[in-house]
């Protein structure tokens, strides 16, 4: 599904060039569940952003579903993100003035989905994620776990093939974090490819495969052995 070849992402800080990604080669098959780990500043989030087409590579190539997306226009990249990729972040990024249902509906509106279809999909994901009685609440009226479930619902209501999660439990208590992980893993069981950045070793060991990054490069890439 994903092929990165010689992927490099450089940032200029003052007079210094920082190699946030340094000649990364990576293959991801459809339906995989991968944890990306490593120290702060190792390039984990930069790798996720590159895969999610939020950052352009400075060098190298990126093929998504066997199509070269490296040099596509901003409009083309936006279309692919909208149709194929969902994002879940540590800090939710919900729109404060919108109710939960409206936050979830937003990507469908941007995609031009028919209003009746939008309403049906939003109702379905609210029920699936235990939020049926929270659709009319604003984010500040929800718990952290509920806000993250709204964020996951928003990320998946478009039915993407790829879900990218950057520290999805990092801002949650342990119980809420477990609930969120179970939702993400259920989505993976249903066929969504799941890539997750985490600092939590216990969470990383739940994945099928663990990639460790150091200094912008992949130090190790191993299958996770369940005990």
Protein backbone atom coordinates (compact mmCIF):
# COMPACT_ATOMS: atom_id res chain seq x y z
CA UNK A 1 0.00 0.00 0.00
CA UNK A 2 2.83 2.39 0.96
CA UNK A 3 6.33 2.51 -0.54
CA UNK A 4 8.85 5.13 0.53
CA UNK A 5 12.19 5.10 -1.28
CA UNK A 6 15.05 7.31 -0.09
CA UNK A 7 12.54 9.54 1.69
CA UNK A 8 14.26 12.66 3.03
CA UNK A 9 12.71 15.69 4.71
CA UNK A 10 15.01 18.61 5.46
CA UNK A 11 14.33 21.72 7.52
CA UNK A 12 16.57 24.76 7.63
CA UNK A 13 17.00 26.18 11.14
CA UNK A 14 19.14 29.30 11.01
CA UNK A 15 22.23 28.27 9.09
CA UNK A 16 21.80 24.59 9.88
CA UNK A 17 19.98 21.93 7.85
CA UNK A 18 18.13 19.40 9.99
CA UNK A 19 17.44 15.99 8.43
CA UNK A 20 14.08 15.18 10.02
CA UNK A 21 13.86 12.18 7.68
CA UNK A 22 17.12 10.77 6.40
CA UNK A 23 16.94 8.42 3.39
CA UNK A 24 14.08 6.28 4.71
CA UNK A 25 12.98 3.15 2.84
CA UNK A 26 9.67 1.68 4.00
CA UNK A 27 7.08 -0.80 2.75
CA UNK A 28 3.62 -1.10 4.33
CA UNK A 29 1.07 -3.67 3.22
CA UNK A 30 -2.66 -2.99 3.29
CA UNK A 31 -4.24 -3.95 6.62
CA UNK A 32 -1.06 -3.80 8.70
CA UNK A 33 -0.96 -2.47 12.27
CA UNK A 34 2.35 -0.70 12.87
CA UNK A 35 3.70 1.17 15.89
CA UNK A 36 6.36 3.83 15.29
CA UNK A 37 8.57 4.46 18.31
CA UNK A 38 11.75 6.34 19.19
CA UNK A 39 13.01 9.27 21.26
CA UNK A 40 11.63 12.79 20.89
CA UNK A 41 12.97 14.43 17.75
CA UNK A 42 13.72 11.12 16.06
CA UNK A 43 11.43 11.81 13.09
CA UNK A 44 8.36 9.79 14.08
CA UNK A 45 5.81 12.53 13.52
CA UNK A 46 7.62 13.77 10.41
CA UNK A 47 7.37 10.26 8.95
CA UNK A 48 3.67 10.14 9.75
CA UNK A 49 3.11 13.59 8.21
CA UNK A 50 4.95 12.57 5.05
CA UNK A 51 2.88 9.39 4.74
CA UNK A 52 -0.26 11.46 5.35
CA UNK A 53 0.73 13.92 2.59
CA UNK A 54 0.87 16.80 5.07
CA UNK A 55 4.61 17.27 4.42
CA UNK A 56 6.34 17.04 1.06
CA UNK A 57 9.57 15.10 0.76
CA UNK A 58 12.75 17.07 0.08
CA UNK A 59 14.13 14.03 -1.77
CA UNK A 60 12.99 10.51 -2.54
CA UNK A 61 9.71 9.05 -3.77
CA UNK A 62 6.39 8.04 -2.23
CA UNK A 63 4.00 5.59 -3.83
CA UNK A 64 0.51 5.13 -2.35
CA UNK A 65 -1.53 2.21 -3.64
CA UNK A 66 1.02 1.88 -6.46
CA UNK A 67 0.59 5.51 -7.59
CA UNK A 68 3.48 7.97 -7.37
CA UNK A 69 2.19 10.85 -5.24
CA UNK A 70 5.54 12.59 -4.74
CA UNK A 71 5.03 15.48 -7.14
CA UNK A 72 1.27 15.93 -7.14
CA UNK A 73 -0.27 19.38 -6.85
CA UNK A 74 -1.66 20.67 -3.55
CA UNK A 75 -5.21 20.16 -4.81
CA UNK A 76 -4.49 16.57 -5.80
CA UNK A 77 -2.86 15.85 -2.45
CA UNK A 78 -5.85 17.35 -0.63
CA UNK A 79 -8.20 15.10 -2.61
CA UNK A 80 -6.20 11.97 -1.73
CA UNK A 81 -6.09 12.93 1.95
CA UNK A 82 -9.84 13.52 1.92
CA UNK A 83 -10.65 10.23 0.20
CA UNK A 84 -8.06 7.79 1.52
CA UNK A 85 -6.45 8.97 4.79
CA UNK A 86 -7.73 9.62 8.30
CA UNK A 87 -5.77 11.44 11.01
CA UNK A 88 -5.98 11.21 14.81
CA UNK A 89 -3.81 13.50 16.94
CA UNK A 90 -2.92 13.78 20.62
CA UNK A 91 -4.75 17.09 21.11
CA UNK A 92 -7.99 16.22 19.26
CA UNK A 93 -8.10 19.40 17.05
CA UNK A 94 -11.87 19.66 17.28
CA UNK A 95 -13.58 22.95 16.39
CA UNK A 96 -14.70 24.37 19.75
CA UNK A 97 -17.87 26.12 18.54
CA UNK A 98 -19.23 23.06 16.71
CA UNK A 99 -21.19 20.26 18.34
CA UNK A 100 -19.70 16.77 18.23
CA UNK A 101 -21.96 15.73 15.36
CA UNK A 102 -20.98 18.79 13.32
CA UNK A 103 -17.27 18.14 13.93
CA UNK A 104 -17.74 14.60 12.65
CA UNK A 105 -19.79 15.74 9.66
CA UNK A 106 -17.29 18.39 8.52
CA UNK A 107 -15.08 16.18 6.27
CA UNK A 108 -18.20 14.78 4.60
CA UNK A 109 -19.39 18.31 3.89
CA UNK A 110 -16.01 19.22 2.41
CA UNK A 111 -16.16 16.07 0.28
CA UNK A 112 -19.56 17.06 -1.12
CA UNK A 113 -21.44 14.07 0.30
CA UNK A 114 -25.23 14.31 0.07
CA UNK A 115 -26.85 15.71 3.28
CA UNK A 116 -28.98 12.61 3.88
CA UNK A 117 -25.92 10.35 3.52
CA UNK A 118 -23.95 12.65 5.83
CA UNK A 119 -26.62 12.43 8.53
CA UNK A 120 -26.78 8.63 8.27
CA UNK A 121 -23.02 8.21 8.53
CA UNK A 122 -22.70 10.58 11.48
CA UNK A 123 -25.48 8.80 13.36
CA UNK A 124 -23.81 5.44 12.69
CA UNK A 125 -20.35 6.43 13.96
CA UNK A 126 -21.80 8.17 17.02
CA UNK A 127 -23.50 4.90 17.93
CA UNK A 128 -20.44 2.78 17.07
CA UNK A 129 -18.18 4.81 19.35
CA UNK A 130 -20.57 5.08 22.29
CA UNK A 131 -21.41 8.73 21.63
CA UNK A 132 -25.09 8.50 20.66
CA UNK A 133 -26.06 10.76 23.59
CA UNK A 134 -23.20 13.22 23.04
CA UNK A 135 -23.78 14.37 19.46
CA UNK A 136 -25.27 17.70 20.55
CA UNK A 137 -22.46 18.52 22.99
CA UNK A 138 -19.60 20.90 22.20
CA UNK A 139 -16.03 19.69 22.82
CA UNK A 140 -15.78 21.62 26.11
CA UNK A 141 -18.77 19.62 27.37
CA UNK A 142 -17.03 16.29 26.73
CA UNK A 143 -14.39 14.32 28.62
CA UNK A 144 -10.95 13.79 27.08
CA UNK A 145 -11.83 10.25 26.09
CA UNK A 146 -15.07 11.36 24.50
CA UNK A 147 -13.29 14.10 22.56
CA UNK A 148 -10.79 11.61 21.22
CA UNK A 149 -13.61 9.28 20.19
CA UNK A 150 -15.22 12.20 18.35
CA UNK A 151 -11.87 12.84 16.66
CA UNK A 152 -11.63 9.18 15.59
CA UNK A 153 -15.20 9.29 14.32
CA UNK A 154 -14.36 12.40 12.29
CA UNK A 155 -11.24 10.67 10.91
CA UNK A 156 -13.11 7.54 9.85
CA UNK A 157 -16.54 8.78 8.79
CA UNK A 158 -15.16 9.18 5.24
CA UNK A 159 -14.22 5.47 5.31
CA UNK A 160 -10.48 5.88 4.65
CA UNK A 161 -8.17 3.00 3.86
CA UNK A 162 -5.31 4.40 5.96
CA UNK A 163 -5.50 5.73 9.53
CA UNK A 164 -2.57 7.66 11.01
CA UNK A 165 -2.56 8.18 14.78
CA UNK A 166 0.02 10.44 16.46
CA UNK A 167 0.16 9.74 20.22
CA UNK A 168 -3.62 9.07 20.31
CA UNK A 169 -3.58 8.20 24.04
CA UNK A 170 -0.96 10.74 25.12
CA UNK A 171 -3.51 13.19 26.53
CA UNK A 172 -5.81 10.65 28.18
CA UNK A 173 -6.09 8.79 31.47
CA UNK A 174 -5.38 5.06 31.38
CA UNK A 175 -9.01 3.91 31.17
CA UNK A 176 -9.92 6.34 28.39
CA UNK A 177 -6.68 5.44 26.60
CA UNK A 178 -7.59 1.75 26.61
CA UNK A 179 -11.03 2.54 25.17
CA UNK A 180 -9.43 4.54 22.35
CA UNK A 181 -6.90 1.78 21.60
CA UNK A 182 -9.67 -0.81 21.39
CA UNK A 183 -11.55 1.38 18.89
CA UNK A 184 -8.42 1.80 16.74
CA UNK A 185 -7.69 -1.92 16.84
CA UNK A 186 -11.28 -2.75 15.91
CA UNK A 187 -10.91 -0.47 12.89
CA UNK A 188 -7.74 -2.33 11.95
CA UNK A 189 -9.58 -5.64 12.34
CA UNK A 190 -12.11 -4.27 9.84
CA UNK A 191 -9.34 -3.75 7.28
CA UNK A 192 -8.04 -0.22 7.84
CA UNK A 193 -4.26 0.08 7.72
CA UNK A 194 -3.17 1.58 11.06
CA UNK A 195 0.10 3.43 11.69
CA UNK A 196 0.52 4.79 15.20
CA UNK A 197 3.24 6.92 16.78
CA UNK A 198 3.58 6.24 20.51
CA UNK A 199 5.96 6.62 23.45
CA UNK A 200 4.09 3.90 25.36
CA UNK A 201 5.98 0.56 25.17
CA UNK A 202 2.91 -1.41 26.24
CA UNK A 203 0.85 0.13 23.46
CA UNK A 204 3.62 -0.37 20.89
CA UNK A 205 3.78 -4.06 21.77
CA UNK A 206 0.11 -4.49 20.84
CA UNK A 207 0.93 -3.79 17.17
CA UNK A 208 1.89 -6.43 14.61
CA UNK A 209 5.08 -4.61 13.70
CA UNK A 210 7.27 -2.05 15.46
CA UNK A 211 9.48 0.50 13.71
CA UNK A 212 12.06 2.32 15.81
CA UNK A 213 13.40 5.63 14.55
CA UNK A 214 16.59 7.43 15.60
CA UNK A 215 17.94 10.67 14.09
CA UNK A 216 15.47 10.64 11.21
CA UNK A 217 16.30 7.09 10.11
CA UNK A 218 14.77 3.67 10.74
CA UNK A 219 17.02 1.90 13.27
CA UNK A 220 14.94 -1.29 13.40
CA UNK A 221 11.81 -2.73 11.83
CA UNK A 222 10.59 -5.92 13.48
CA UNK A 223 7.50 -8.04 13.87
CA UNK A 224 6.09 -7.88 17.38
CA UNK A 225 6.18 -11.25 19.14
CA UNK A 226 3.16 -11.78 21.38
CA UNK A 227 3.95 -13.40 24.70
